[in-house]
Structures are given as C-alpha cells and as structure tokens.
N, C-alpha and C. Protein backbone atom coordinates (compact mmCIF):
# COMPACT_ATOMS: atom_id res chain seq x y z
N UNK A 1 0.87 -1.23 0.09
CA UNK A 1 0.15 0.03 -0.05
C UNK A 1 0.87 1.31 -0.04
N UNK A 2 0.51 2.20 -0.90
CA UNK A 2 1.59 3.29 -0.79
C UNK A 2 1.02 4.55 -0.15
N UNK A 3 1.81 5.09 0.67
CA UNK A 3 1.54 6.28 1.62
C UNK A 3 0.92 7.25 0.83
N UNK A 4 -0.49 7.85 1.44
CA UNK A 4 -1.06 8.82 1.00
C UNK A 4 -0.33 10.15 1.41
N UNK A 5 0.40 11.00 0.48
CA UNK A 5 1.39 12.04 1.15
C UNK A 5 0.19 13.33 1.33
N UNK A 6 -0.95 13.23 0.73
CA UNK A 6 -1.95 14.23 1.07
C UNK A 6 -2.07 14.38 2.57
N UNK A 7 -1.87 13.26 3.30
CA UNK A 7 -2.11 13.31 4.59
C UNK A 7 -0.89 13.85 5.73
N UNK A 8 -0.04 14.18 4.92
CA UNK A 8 1.20 14.63 5.47
C UNK A 8 1.17 16.24 5.77
N UNK A 9 1.86 16.49 6.93
CA UNK A 9 1.97 18.06 6.98
C UNK A 9 3.26 18.58 6.42
N UNK A 10 4.13 17.82 6.34
CA UNK A 10 5.36 18.14 5.44
C UNK A 10 5.99 16.98 4.86
N UNK A 11 6.99 17.15 3.85
CA UNK A 11 7.68 15.92 3.45
C UNK A 11 9.31 16.36 3.23
N UNK A 12 10.10 15.53 3.55
CA UNK A 12 11.45 15.83 3.73
C UNK A 12 12.06 14.66 2.72
N UNK A 13 12.90 15.15 1.86
CA UNK A 13 13.78 14.42 0.75
C UNK A 13 15.07 14.33 1.05
N UNK A 14 15.57 13.36 0.99
CA UNK A 14 17.10 13.07 0.74
C UNK A 14 17.27 13.69 -0.63
N UNK A 15 18.49 13.64 -1.25
CA UNK A 15 18.78 14.39 -2.49
C UNK A 15 19.34 13.28 -3.58
N UNK A 16 20.63 12.66 -3.12
CA UNK A 16 21.07 11.83 -4.20
C UNK A 16 20.35 10.64 -4.20
N UNK A 17 19.83 9.94 -5.34
CA UNK A 17 19.10 8.72 -5.65
C UNK A 17 17.69 9.09 -5.26
N UNK A 18 17.32 10.26 -4.95
CA UNK A 18 16.01 10.49 -4.38
C UNK A 18 15.45 11.59 -5.21
N UNK A 19 16.09 12.72 -5.41
CA UNK A 19 15.81 13.92 -6.31
C UNK A 19 16.77 13.84 -7.54
N UNK A 20 18.00 13.59 -7.34
CA UNK A 20 18.95 13.57 -8.61
C UNK A 20 19.25 12.03 -8.71
N UNK A 21 19.46 11.66 -9.92
CA UNK A 21 20.18 10.27 -10.26
C UNK A 21 21.58 10.61 -10.02
N UNK A 22 22.20 10.53 -8.95
CA UNK A 22 23.72 11.00 -8.61
C UNK A 22 24.30 9.92 -7.98
N UNK A 23 23.72 9.07 -7.36
CA UNK A 23 24.38 7.90 -6.75
C UNK A 23 25.60 7.40 -7.42
N UNK A 24 25.39 6.90 -8.69
CA UNK A 24 26.54 6.35 -9.32
C UNK A 24 27.67 7.28 -9.64
N UNK A 25 27.17 8.57 -9.86
CA UNK A 25 27.99 9.77 -10.29
C UNK A 25 28.97 9.79 -9.12
N UNK A 26 28.33 9.88 -7.82
CA UNK A 26 29.25 10.13 -6.51
C UNK A 26 30.14 8.80 -6.50
N UNK A 27 29.60 7.50 -6.74
CA UNK A 27 30.21 6.55 -6.30
C UNK A 27 31.67 6.34 -7.25
N UNK A 28 31.37 6.87 -8.51
CA UNK A 28 32.52 6.91 -9.62
C UNK A 28 33.43 7.88 -9.03
N UNK A 29 33.08 8.96 -8.54
CA UNK A 29 33.98 10.00 -8.15
C UNK A 29 34.94 9.73 -7.20
N UNK A 30 34.46 8.82 -6.37
CA UNK A 30 35.30 8.62 -5.08
C UNK A 30 36.41 7.59 -5.65
N UNK A 31 36.07 6.74 -6.53
CA UNK A 31 37.21 5.84 -7.11
C UNK A 31 37.95 6.68 -7.93
N UNK A 32 37.48 7.70 -8.89
CA UNK A 32 38.53 8.35 -9.44
C UNK A 32 39.39 9.31 -8.74
N UNK A 33 39.04 9.86 -7.44
CA UNK A 33 39.87 10.79 -6.88
C UNK A 33 40.95 9.95 -6.15
N UNK A 34 40.59 8.60 -5.99
CA UNK A 34 41.50 7.86 -5.32
C UNK A 34 42.25 6.92 -6.10
N UNK A 35 42.50 7.09 -7.53
CA UNK A 35 42.83 5.91 -8.42
C UNK A 35 44.28 5.90 -8.28
N UNK A 36 45.10 6.83 -7.70
CA UNK A 36 46.67 6.59 -7.62
C UNK A 36 46.83 5.63 -6.61
N UNK A 37 45.90 5.17 -5.63
CA UNK A 37 46.17 4.33 -4.42
C UNK A 37 45.81 2.68 -4.89
N UNK A 38 46.32 2.10 -3.90
CA UNK A 38 45.92 0.58 -4.30
C UNK A 38 44.57 0.28 -4.85
N UNK A 39 44.62 -0.32 -5.87
CA UNK A 39 43.09 -0.68 -6.58
C UNK A 39 42.22 -1.40 -5.65
N UNK A 40 42.83 -2.47 -4.94
CA UNK A 40 42.09 -3.17 -4.07
C UNK A 40 41.45 -2.59 -2.78
N UNK A 41 42.39 -1.69 -2.29
CA UNK A 41 41.79 -0.77 -1.17
C UNK A 41 40.81 -0.04 -1.57
N UNK A 42 41.15 0.74 -2.81
CA UNK A 42 39.90 1.79 -3.13
C UNK A 42 38.75 0.91 -3.47
N UNK A 43 38.45 -0.28 -4.13
CA UNK A 43 37.59 -0.91 -4.29
C UNK A 43 36.85 -1.23 -3.05
N UNK A 44 37.50 -1.66 -2.06
CA UNK A 44 36.82 -2.04 -0.69
C UNK A 44 36.34 -0.75 -0.17
N UNK A 45 37.04 0.46 -0.31
CA UNK A 45 36.36 1.69 0.09
C UNK A 45 35.27 2.13 -0.60
N UNK A 46 35.00 2.04 -1.96
CA UNK A 46 33.86 2.26 -2.68
C UNK A 46 32.81 1.36 -2.29
N UNK A 47 33.08 0.04 -2.07
CA UNK A 47 31.96 -0.72 -1.68
C UNK A 47 31.52 -0.38 -0.38
N UNK A 48 32.36 0.05 0.83
CA UNK A 48 31.89 0.45 1.84
C UNK A 48 30.91 1.80 1.79
N UNK A 49 31.64 2.93 0.68
CA UNK A 49 30.82 3.96 0.71
C UNK A 49 29.41 3.50 0.16
N UNK A 50 29.14 2.56 -0.67
CA UNK A 50 27.86 2.35 -1.08
C UNK A 50 26.87 1.73 -0.19
N UNK A 51 27.39 1.12 0.90
CA UNK A 51 26.66 0.54 2.13
C UNK A 51 26.41 1.75 3.30
N UNK A 52 27.11 2.88 3.08
CA UNK A 52 26.80 3.90 4.26
C UNK A 52 26.49 5.07 3.48
N UNK A 53 25.28 5.11 2.73
CA UNK A 53 24.75 6.29 2.02
C UNK A 53 24.27 7.23 3.12
N UNK A 54 24.45 8.61 2.71
CA UNK A 54 24.12 9.78 3.72
C UNK A 54 25.13 10.26 4.66
N UNK A 55 26.32 9.51 4.40
CA UNK A 55 27.42 10.14 5.38
C UNK A 55 28.38 11.11 4.47
N UNK A 56 28.90 12.09 5.20
CA UNK A 56 29.46 13.37 4.09
C UNK A 56 30.83 12.85 3.50
N UNK A 57 31.27 13.52 2.64
CA UNK A 57 32.33 13.12 1.92
C UNK A 57 33.64 13.41 2.72
N UNK A 58 33.61 14.23 3.68
CA UNK A 58 34.80 14.38 4.59
C UNK A 58 34.93 13.25 5.48
N UNK A 59 34.13 12.80 6.11
CA UNK A 59 33.94 11.94 7.02
C UNK A 59 34.27 10.35 6.11
N UNK A 60 34.06 10.25 5.04
CA UNK A 60 34.34 9.13 4.16
C UNK A 60 35.77 9.16 3.72
N UNK A 61 36.42 10.10 3.36
CA UNK A 61 38.03 10.31 3.20
C UNK A 61 38.67 10.25 4.30
N UNK A 62 38.08 10.72 5.49
CA UNK A 62 38.81 10.38 6.79
C UNK A 62 39.06 9.02 7.07
N UNK A 63 37.89 8.06 6.76
CA UNK A 63 38.11 6.74 6.84
C UNK A 63 39.10 6.22 6.20
N UNK A 64 39.28 6.75 4.76
CA UNK A 64 40.04 6.28 3.87
C UNK A 64 41.47 6.49 4.28
N UNK A 65 41.95 7.81 4.43
CA UNK A 65 43.32 8.07 4.90
C UNK A 65 43.54 7.79 6.19
N UNK A 66 42.68 7.86 7.16
CA UNK A 66 43.24 7.85 8.56
C UNK A 66 43.23 6.01 8.95
N UNK A 67 42.16 5.55 8.49
CA UNK A 67 41.76 4.29 8.92
C UNK A 67 42.39 3.11 7.98
N UNK A 68 42.00 3.49 6.66
CA UNK A 68 42.35 2.49 5.75
C UNK A 68 43.96 2.54 5.35
N UNK A 69 44.20 3.82 4.91
CA UNK A 69 45.69 4.18 4.44
C UNK A 69 46.60 4.10 5.62
N UNK A 70 45.92 4.82 6.86
CA UNK A 70 46.68 5.15 8.00
C UNK A 70 48.14 5.80 7.81
N UNK A 71 47.84 7.07 7.01
CA UNK A 71 48.77 8.03 7.09
C UNK A 71 48.66 9.14 7.99
N UNK A 72 49.86 9.78 8.40
CA UNK A 72 49.98 10.73 9.44
C UNK A 72 49.11 11.97 8.99
N UNK A 73 49.46 12.41 7.83
CA UNK A 73 48.75 13.68 7.40
C UNK A 73 47.51 13.43 6.68
N UNK A 74 46.69 12.57 7.44
CA UNK A 74 45.23 12.28 6.90
C UNK A 74 44.31 13.19 6.63
N UNK A 75 44.34 14.36 7.69
CA UNK A 75 43.34 15.48 7.39
C UNK A 75 43.71 16.16 6.16
N UNK A 76 44.91 16.57 5.87
CA UNK A 76 45.19 17.43 4.64
C UNK A 76 44.91 16.62 3.69
N UNK A 77 45.10 15.37 3.54
CA UNK A 77 44.94 14.48 2.48
C UNK A 77 43.33 14.52 2.21
N UNK A 78 42.53 14.29 3.27
CA UNK A 78 41.06 14.05 3.22
C UNK A 78 40.57 15.57 2.69
N UNK A 79 41.12 16.67 3.09
CA UNK A 79 40.56 17.98 2.61
C UNK A 79 40.81 18.06 1.12
N UNK A 80 42.03 17.78 0.79
CA UNK A 80 42.43 17.72 -0.72
C UNK A 80 41.56 16.93 -1.56
N UNK A 81 41.15 15.56 -1.03
CA UNK A 81 40.35 14.83 -1.68
C UNK A 81 38.99 15.27 -1.80
N UNK A 82 38.45 15.91 -0.89
CA UNK A 82 37.22 16.58 -0.90
C UNK A 82 37.13 17.65 -1.71
N UNK A 83 38.12 18.48 -1.95
CA UNK A 83 38.16 19.48 -3.00
C UNK A 83 37.96 18.88 -4.27
N UNK A 84 38.83 17.77 -4.53
CA UNK A 84 38.95 17.35 -5.74
C UNK A 84 37.53 16.54 -6.24
N UNK A 85 37.22 15.99 -5.30
CA UNK A 85 35.54 15.14 -5.31
C UNK A 85 34.58 16.25 -5.81
N UNK A 86 34.52 17.37 -5.06
CA UNK A 86 33.47 18.40 -5.45
C UNK A 86 33.68 18.99 -6.60
N UNK A 87 34.74 19.22 -7.10
CA UNK A 87 35.12 19.88 -8.43
C UNK A 87 34.72 18.91 -9.49
N UNK A 88 34.80 17.50 -9.12
CA UNK A 88 34.52 16.51 -10.13
C UNK A 88 32.79 16.29 -10.23
N UNK A 89 32.04 16.36 -8.97
CA UNK A 89 30.74 15.97 -9.29
C UNK A 89 29.95 17.16 -9.40
N UNK A 90 30.51 18.67 -9.17
CA UNK A 90 29.40 19.63 -9.28
C UNK A 90 28.80 19.85 -10.73
N UNK A 91 29.55 19.71 -11.72
CA UNK A 91 29.09 19.84 -13.05
C UNK A 91 28.06 18.77 -13.25
N UNK A 92 28.42 17.45 -12.91
CA UNK A 92 27.54 16.36 -13.06
C UNK A 92 26.25 16.55 -12.41
N UNK A 93 26.18 17.02 -11.30
CA UNK A 93 24.98 17.33 -10.48
C UNK A 93 23.93 18.30 -11.24
N UNK A 94 24.73 19.15 -12.11
CA UNK A 94 23.88 20.33 -12.67
C UNK A 94 22.87 19.55 -13.85
N UNK A 95 23.43 18.51 -14.29
CA UNK A 95 22.94 17.82 -15.79
C UNK A 95 22.30 16.45 -15.44
N UNK A 96 22.62 15.71 -14.44
CA UNK A 96 22.21 14.38 -14.06
C UNK A 96 20.73 14.53 -14.31
N UNK A 97 20.04 13.29 -14.59
CA UNK A 97 18.48 13.36 -14.77
C UNK A 97 17.83 13.51 -13.32
N UNK A 98 16.80 13.83 -13.29
CA UNK A 98 15.81 13.61 -11.95
C UNK A 98 15.63 12.15 -11.88
N UNK A 99 15.24 11.67 -10.51
CA UNK A 99 14.73 10.28 -10.44
C UNK A 99 13.33 10.44 -11.05
N UNK A 100 12.91 9.47 -11.82
CA UNK A 100 11.56 9.22 -12.38
C UNK A 100 10.37 9.75 -11.58
N UNK A 101 9.56 10.53 -11.96
CA UNK A 101 8.47 11.13 -11.24
C UNK A 101 8.67 12.26 -10.23
N UNK A 102 9.98 12.71 -10.21
CA UNK A 102 10.12 13.64 -9.10
C UNK A 102 9.60 14.93 -9.70
N UNK A 103 9.63 15.52 -10.85
CA UNK A 103 9.24 16.75 -11.18
C UNK A 103 7.75 16.86 -10.93
N UNK A 104 7.07 15.67 -11.57
CA UNK A 104 5.57 15.69 -11.37
C UNK A 104 5.03 15.60 -9.63
N UNK A 105 5.93 14.97 -8.99
CA UNK A 105 5.68 14.99 -7.53
C UNK A 105 5.70 16.31 -6.92
N UNK A 106 6.69 16.85 -7.14
CA UNK A 106 7.04 18.48 -6.59
C UNK A 106 5.86 19.11 -6.86
N UNK A 107 5.51 19.13 -8.32
CA UNK A 107 4.40 20.02 -8.59
C UNK A 107 3.18 19.84 -7.89
N UNK A 108 2.63 18.26 -7.67
CA UNK A 108 1.59 18.15 -7.05
C UNK A 108 1.75 18.28 -5.54
N UNK A 109 2.92 18.33 -5.00
CA UNK A 109 2.98 18.79 -3.47
C UNK A 109 2.89 20.35 -3.31
N UNK A 110 3.57 20.84 -4.33
CA UNK A 110 3.39 22.61 -4.06
C UNK A 110 1.91 22.95 -4.38
N UNK A 111 1.31 22.18 -5.35
CA UNK A 111 -0.11 22.54 -5.56
C UNK A 111 -0.98 22.48 -4.22
N UNK A 112 -0.49 21.73 -3.46
CA UNK A 112 -1.17 21.42 -2.14
C UNK A 112 -0.76 22.31 -0.99
N UNK A 113 0.35 23.28 -1.34
CA UNK A 113 1.09 23.85 -0.20
C UNK A 113 1.48 23.20 0.93
N UNK A 114 2.16 21.96 0.74
CA UNK A 114 2.73 21.13 1.43
C UNK A 114 4.31 21.40 1.64
N UNK A 115 4.62 21.78 2.94
CA UNK A 115 5.90 22.45 3.19
C UNK A 115 6.89 21.15 2.78
N UNK A 116 8.09 21.63 2.23
CA UNK A 116 8.98 20.63 1.71
C UNK A 116 10.37 21.02 2.11
N UNK A 117 11.37 20.05 2.54
CA UNK A 117 12.45 20.21 2.82
C UNK A 117 13.57 19.23 2.31
N UNK A 118 14.87 19.54 2.21
CA UNK A 118 16.00 18.65 1.94
C UNK A 118 16.77 18.41 3.03
N UNK A 119 17.19 17.09 3.35
CA UNK A 119 18.18 16.76 4.34
C UNK A 119 19.16 15.81 3.56
N UNK A 120 20.17 16.11 3.11
CA UNK A 120 21.49 15.39 2.27
C UNK A 120 22.68 15.28 3.08
N UNK A 121 23.29 14.28 2.77
CA UNK A 121 24.90 14.18 3.19
C UNK A 121 25.66 14.75 2.33
N UNK A 122 25.26 15.29 1.01
CA UNK A 122 26.08 16.24 0.40
C UNK A 122 26.41 17.57 0.64
N UNK A 123 27.33 18.16 0.39
CA UNK A 123 27.73 19.65 0.58
C UNK A 123 26.51 20.63 0.74
N UNK A 124 26.26 21.21 1.65
CA UNK A 124 25.13 22.22 1.64
C UNK A 124 25.33 23.30 0.61
N UNK A 125 26.31 23.89 0.73
CA UNK A 125 26.78 25.11 -0.31
C UNK A 125 26.72 24.49 -1.59
N UNK A 126 27.20 23.39 -2.07
CA UNK A 126 27.13 22.80 -3.31
C UNK A 126 25.65 22.49 -3.91
N UNK A 127 24.89 21.74 -2.87
CA UNK A 127 23.65 21.40 -3.50
C UNK A 127 22.83 22.55 -3.56
N UNK A 128 22.85 23.71 -2.72
CA UNK A 128 22.24 24.84 -2.84
C UNK A 128 22.14 25.49 -4.02
N UNK A 129 23.67 25.47 -4.61
CA UNK A 129 23.81 26.20 -5.76
C UNK A 129 23.49 25.47 -7.03
N UNK A 130 23.58 24.12 -6.92
CA UNK A 130 22.89 23.01 -8.04
C UNK A 130 21.55 23.37 -8.07
N UNK A 131 20.68 23.40 -7.01
CA UNK A 131 19.41 23.62 -7.02
C UNK A 131 18.88 24.99 -7.59
N UNK A 132 19.65 25.99 -7.14
CA UNK A 132 19.45 27.30 -7.74
C UNK A 132 19.63 27.28 -9.14
N UNK A 133 20.55 26.52 -9.84
CA UNK A 133 20.94 26.58 -11.20
C UNK A 133 19.89 25.86 -12.00
N UNK A 134 19.11 24.71 -11.20
CA UNK A 134 18.28 23.93 -11.78
C UNK A 134 16.93 24.49 -11.58
N UNK A 135 16.76 25.56 -10.93
CA UNK A 135 15.45 26.37 -10.70
C UNK A 135 14.63 25.35 -9.54
N UNK A 136 15.26 24.76 -8.61
CA UNK A 136 14.69 23.95 -7.48
C UNK A 136 14.60 24.64 -6.27
N UNK A 137 15.59 25.56 -6.00
CA UNK A 137 15.70 26.25 -4.59
C UNK A 137 14.74 26.72 -3.99
N UNK A 138 13.62 27.28 -4.69
CA UNK A 138 12.34 27.98 -4.12
C UNK A 138 11.29 26.80 -3.88
N UNK A 139 11.49 25.67 -4.32
CA UNK A 139 10.54 24.76 -3.93
C UNK A 139 10.58 24.24 -2.49
N UNK A 140 11.62 24.57 -1.97
CA UNK A 140 11.90 23.95 -0.38
C UNK A 140 12.03 24.88 0.61
N UNK A 141 11.42 24.80 1.71
CA UNK A 141 11.57 25.88 2.80
C UNK A 141 13.05 25.83 3.37
N UNK A 142 13.51 24.67 3.62
CA UNK A 142 15.08 24.53 3.80
C UNK A 142 15.78 23.37 2.97
N UNK A 143 17.02 23.77 2.67
CA UNK A 143 18.03 22.72 2.12
C UNK A 143 19.08 22.39 2.92
N UNK A 144 19.26 21.45 3.51
CA UNK A 144 20.47 21.50 4.74
C UNK A 144 21.33 20.07 4.12
N UNK A 145 22.72 20.14 4.54
CA UNK A 145 23.54 19.34 4.03
C UNK A 145 24.71 19.30 4.88
N UNK A 146 26.01 18.79 4.54
CA UNK A 146 27.19 18.62 5.36
C UNK A 146 27.72 20.25 5.15
N UNK A 147 28.59 20.56 6.20
CA UNK A 147 29.38 19.67 7.24
C UNK A 147 28.49 19.26 8.42
N UNK A 148 27.24 19.84 8.56
CA UNK A 148 26.43 18.99 9.51
C UNK A 148 25.92 17.57 9.18
N UNK A 149 25.84 16.90 10.18
CA UNK A 149 25.37 15.56 9.96
C UNK A 149 23.98 15.61 9.60
N UNK A 150 23.45 14.46 8.92
CA UNK A 150 22.04 14.40 8.63
C UNK A 150 21.38 14.24 9.86
N UNK A 151 21.69 13.77 11.06
CA UNK A 151 21.06 13.71 12.35
C UNK A 151 20.72 15.17 12.90
N UNK A 152 21.70 15.87 12.71
CA UNK A 152 21.81 17.36 13.32
C UNK A 152 20.76 17.99 12.47
N UNK A 153 20.88 17.77 11.15
CA UNK A 153 19.94 18.55 10.16
C UNK A 153 18.63 18.27 10.42
N UNK A 154 18.35 16.86 10.89
CA UNK A 154 17.07 16.53 11.01
C UNK A 154 16.40 17.17 12.39
N UNK A 155 17.32 17.37 13.23
CA UNK A 155 16.92 18.10 14.52
C UNK A 155 16.68 19.63 14.24
N UNK A 156 17.36 20.15 13.23
CA UNK A 156 17.27 21.56 12.85
C UNK A 156 15.83 21.93 12.07
N UNK A 157 15.34 20.73 11.32
CA UNK A 157 14.21 20.77 10.67
C UNK A 157 12.96 20.57 11.68
N UNK A 158 13.33 19.70 12.58
CA UNK A 158 12.31 19.49 13.72
C UNK A 158 11.96 20.79 14.60
N UNK A 159 13.31 21.49 14.74
CA UNK A 159 13.11 22.80 15.44
C UNK A 159 12.39 23.78 14.51
N UNK A 160 12.46 23.76 13.28
CA UNK A 160 11.80 24.75 12.38
C UNK A 160 10.43 24.22 11.95
N UNK A 161 9.91 23.43 12.64
CA UNK A 161 8.40 22.86 12.51
C UNK A 161 8.23 21.98 11.24
N UNK A 162 9.44 21.33 10.62
CA UNK A 162 9.07 20.69 9.39
C UNK A 162 9.26 19.25 9.71
N UNK A 163 9.58 18.84 10.73
CA UNK A 163 9.39 17.47 11.05
C UNK A 163 8.42 17.34 12.24
N UNK A 164 7.53 16.71 12.12
CA UNK A 164 6.61 16.37 12.97
C UNK A 164 6.22 14.76 12.96
N UNK A 165 4.97 14.56 13.67
CA UNK A 165 4.44 13.11 13.49
C UNK A 165 3.77 12.84 12.33
N UNK A 166 3.61 13.94 11.66
CA UNK A 166 2.77 13.77 10.27
C UNK A 166 3.77 14.24 9.16
N UNK A 167 5.04 13.90 9.19
CA UNK A 167 6.05 13.99 7.94
C UNK A 167 6.41 12.75 7.42
N UNK A 168 6.55 12.79 6.08
CA UNK A 168 7.19 11.62 5.54
C UNK A 168 8.40 11.99 5.06
N UNK A 169 9.46 10.85 4.90
CA UNK A 169 10.72 11.16 4.60
C UNK A 169 11.24 10.18 3.41
N UNK A 170 11.44 10.77 2.35
CA UNK A 170 11.98 9.93 1.13
C UNK A 170 13.38 10.04 1.11
N UNK A 171 13.72 8.53 1.33
CA UNK A 171 15.30 8.43 1.28
C UNK A 171 15.47 6.93 0.64
N UNK A 172 16.76 6.67 0.62
CA UNK A 172 17.26 5.39 -0.12
C UNK A 172 18.40 4.88 0.42
N UNK A 173 18.67 5.00 1.74
CA UNK A 173 19.81 4.52 2.62
C UNK A 173 19.20 4.10 3.86
N UNK A 174 20.16 3.13 4.44
CA UNK A 174 19.84 2.65 5.69
C UNK A 174 19.76 3.71 6.84
N UNK A 175 20.72 5.01 6.51
CA UNK A 175 20.57 5.94 7.31
C UNK A 175 19.42 6.74 7.56
N UNK A 176 19.04 6.91 6.19
CA UNK A 176 17.57 7.66 6.13
C UNK A 176 16.38 6.72 6.78
N UNK A 177 16.43 5.46 6.61
CA UNK A 177 15.58 4.66 7.23
C UNK A 177 15.58 4.73 8.84
N UNK A 178 16.90 4.79 9.43
CA UNK A 178 17.18 4.87 10.80
C UNK A 178 16.47 6.35 11.48
N UNK A 179 16.86 7.29 10.45
CA UNK A 179 16.46 8.67 11.04
C UNK A 179 14.81 8.83 10.98
N UNK A 180 14.36 8.08 9.86
CA UNK A 180 12.82 8.15 9.89
C UNK A 180 12.04 7.46 11.22
N UNK A 181 12.73 6.35 11.55
CA UNK A 181 12.33 5.73 12.83
C UNK A 181 12.60 6.70 14.00
N UNK A 182 13.75 7.16 14.08
CA UNK A 182 14.13 7.85 15.21
C UNK A 182 13.23 9.11 15.36
N UNK A 183 12.90 9.75 14.21
CA UNK A 183 12.07 10.91 14.52
C UNK A 183 10.86 10.77 13.99
N UNK A 184 10.24 9.53 14.07
CA UNK A 184 8.81 9.24 14.03
C UNK A 184 8.26 9.63 12.67
N UNK A 185 8.88 9.59 11.62
CA UNK A 185 8.31 9.94 10.19
C UNK A 185 7.88 8.74 9.65
N UNK A 186 7.10 8.81 8.53
CA UNK A 186 6.86 7.77 7.58
C UNK A 186 7.76 7.83 6.59
N UNK A 187 8.37 6.49 6.53
CA UNK A 187 9.51 6.42 5.58
C UNK A 187 9.06 5.83 4.02
N UNK A 188 9.49 6.53 3.31
CA UNK A 188 9.32 6.14 1.82
C UNK A 188 10.61 5.59 1.19
N UNK A 189 10.96 4.44 0.89
CA UNK A 189 12.22 4.01 0.33
C UNK A 189 11.99 4.04 -1.30
N UNK A 190 13.10 4.93 -1.88
CA UNK A 190 13.03 5.24 -3.19
C UNK A 190 14.30 4.18 -3.73
N UNK A 191 13.92 3.08 -4.35
CA UNK A 191 14.45 2.09 -4.96
C UNK A 191 15.28 2.21 -6.08
N UNK A 192 14.95 3.45 -6.94
CA UNK A 192 15.49 3.43 -8.28
C UNK A 192 16.75 3.34 -8.52
N UNK A 193 17.71 4.36 -7.69
CA UNK A 193 19.14 4.05 -7.79
C UNK A 193 19.88 3.86 -6.63
N UNK A 194 19.02 3.27 -5.60
CA UNK A 194 19.47 2.79 -4.30
C UNK A 194 20.73 1.99 -4.31
N UNK A 195 21.64 2.29 -3.35
CA UNK A 195 22.86 1.16 -3.27
C UNK A 195 22.72 0.54 -2.07
N UNK A 196 21.61 0.35 -1.44
CA UNK A 196 21.23 -0.31 0.01
C UNK A 196 20.62 -1.47 -0.66
N UNK A 197 21.33 -2.54 -0.38
CA UNK A 197 20.82 -3.87 -1.10
C UNK A 197 19.60 -4.38 -0.42
N UNK A 198 19.54 -4.20 0.94
CA UNK A 198 18.23 -4.81 1.71
C UNK A 198 17.32 -3.60 1.80
N UNK A 199 17.19 -2.72 1.12
CA UNK A 199 16.46 -1.49 1.44
C UNK A 199 14.82 -1.79 1.47
N UNK A 200 14.47 -2.44 0.17
CA UNK A 200 13.12 -2.62 -0.09
C UNK A 200 12.65 -3.66 1.06
N UNK A 201 13.30 -4.71 1.27
CA UNK A 201 12.75 -5.86 2.10
C UNK A 201 12.62 -5.27 3.58
N UNK A 202 13.67 -4.50 4.08
CA UNK A 202 13.71 -4.02 5.24
C UNK A 202 12.40 -2.92 5.43
N UNK A 203 12.23 -2.10 4.45
CA UNK A 203 11.36 -1.16 4.50
C UNK A 203 9.59 -1.82 4.59
N UNK A 204 9.76 -2.85 3.71
CA UNK A 204 8.33 -3.58 3.64
C UNK A 204 8.13 -4.15 4.90
N UNK A 205 9.08 -4.89 5.61
CA UNK A 205 8.90 -5.58 6.54
C UNK A 205 8.66 -4.78 7.90
N UNK A 206 8.99 -3.57 7.86
CA UNK A 206 8.63 -2.47 8.63
C UNK A 206 7.31 -1.70 8.52
N UNK A 207 6.67 -1.85 7.41
CA UNK A 207 5.29 -1.38 7.09
C UNK A 207 5.47 -0.20 6.13
N UNK A 208 6.70 0.09 5.90
CA UNK A 208 7.01 1.43 5.10
C UNK A 208 6.69 1.26 3.54
N UNK A 209 6.84 2.16 2.86
CA UNK A 209 6.48 2.37 1.37
C UNK A 209 7.58 2.33 0.56
N UNK A 210 7.60 1.31 -0.50
CA UNK A 210 8.82 1.41 -1.53
C UNK A 210 8.31 1.76 -2.85
N UNK A 211 8.89 2.76 -3.54
CA UNK A 211 8.70 3.17 -4.82
C UNK A 211 9.95 3.16 -5.75
N UNK A 212 9.70 2.91 -6.87
CA UNK A 212 10.74 2.85 -8.05
C UNK A 212 10.61 4.19 -8.60
N UNK A 213 9.53 4.54 -9.13
CA UNK A 213 9.13 6.02 -9.68
C UNK A 213 8.32 6.62 -8.84
N UNK A 214 8.54 8.12 -8.58
CA UNK A 214 8.03 8.93 -7.60
C UNK A 214 6.61 9.13 -7.99
N UNK A 215 6.49 9.01 -9.35
CA UNK A 215 5.14 9.16 -9.78
C UNK A 215 4.15 8.36 -9.04
N UNK A 216 4.39 7.16 -8.53
CA UNK A 216 3.55 6.14 -7.84
C UNK A 216 3.02 6.83 -6.65
N UNK A 217 3.37 7.94 -6.31
CA UNK A 217 2.86 8.70 -4.88
C UNK A 217 1.82 9.73 -5.41
N UNK A 218 1.45 9.87 -6.66
CA UNK A 218 0.46 10.54 -7.30
C UNK A 218 -0.57 9.71 -7.88
N UNK A 219 -1.93 9.96 -7.60
CA UNK A 219 -2.57 11.29 -7.19
C UNK A 219 -2.41 11.27 -5.67
N UNK A 220 -2.25 12.70 -5.13
CA UNK A 220 -2.05 12.77 -3.80
C UNK A 220 -3.50 12.95 -3.13
C-alpha cells in the first residue's frame, strides 16, 4: 500500500538517488579521486561507501586516509580529496537526470502547499547552488547538508517545524531509514538508484512504502 502524502503536514527529501540520479556519479567520483592508490583498497572503500549512504564526503575520506591508508597527514589529504571530489561532481549534479516522477511529484506537493525540505549528506553550499541553477531552490523551505550530519540537520528541521509526527521522509539509504524511525516519520524508500541492497525488504517488513518511480505517489 502506498502512503498518501496528502495526509502529511510536511515532506522531507534526501537528494542523491531521491531527487537526482547521482548515486553512481558520486560512487564513480570516489574511485576516480583515489585512483593513484592501491586498487583493491580503493575498491573496498567504494564498496563501503555504497553501504553507508548519507555520510558526508569528509567523513568518508577520513576513513580512507586515517583508518584504511593510515597516514599521518590524513586530515590534509582528506581535505584535498574533498576539494577534488567536489570539483568532479559539481558539473554532473547540474546535468544528471531527476529520479523518475520527481518533477511531477514536486508540482503536486506544491499545488497542495505542503511544506518541503531537503536533508542530504552532500555539501550544503554545493547542493544549494545546484538547486538554484536547476530552478529547484524555491520549492523547498530549507535545504540542509554537510558539514552538519544528517542527524543534526533533522533536529534543525524539527526545530523549524518541518519534522512532526505527520512528516514523510523520502530516502534511499539505511541511515535515512534509521532517521525516519528515530524522528517518528513515515519512511518512503526510493529504490530506483539505491545502493542499499536490503532497503526494499527492510522497509516492507517495517510497514513502510517502497517506490521505484516517484510518480507512484501521485495522485495525492
């Protein structure tokens, strides 16, 4: 059974894999930025990245340089990798396609004056600029991302009145699922580009909604 978004007081979206088809773009960028390092180590890192959606790039590069590569200057290397990663993905985020049904869903939600917000693990400054260029920024009350964690961002959205007991959260990662449970939101798992292998089964077993195409949430 599909959740009726018309009954929600607000809707919160993740971004990568939920609004934009950018999961593979970012996974490829992690590998490309680290291509000078041992291929097996990088492959293991990228695999771990795919299993930990919603965590900021700095935290992930910290894991690579501090914990996996174990270099003394891990912080400086992580900073440089973040810069290279941002340069690589910024253009792609401006042109990658939307997740199927997203544009129609946004129009339907805005027509009902349902407040909308974004909570992403991506860089907040970057994603706000991408949204501005793509004409999306004004569709959302707030767009929040890193360096704050998604958990802290969810608390900020709650303080702003955008997360209540009648909020739906559209996500595609285990972190999104856990946040929805912690903040008592109805979870909608967007499976189209998700890299969370157990996402559909976990969501259905918990009574949540699973969609491939966001158009399935229309009519409201």
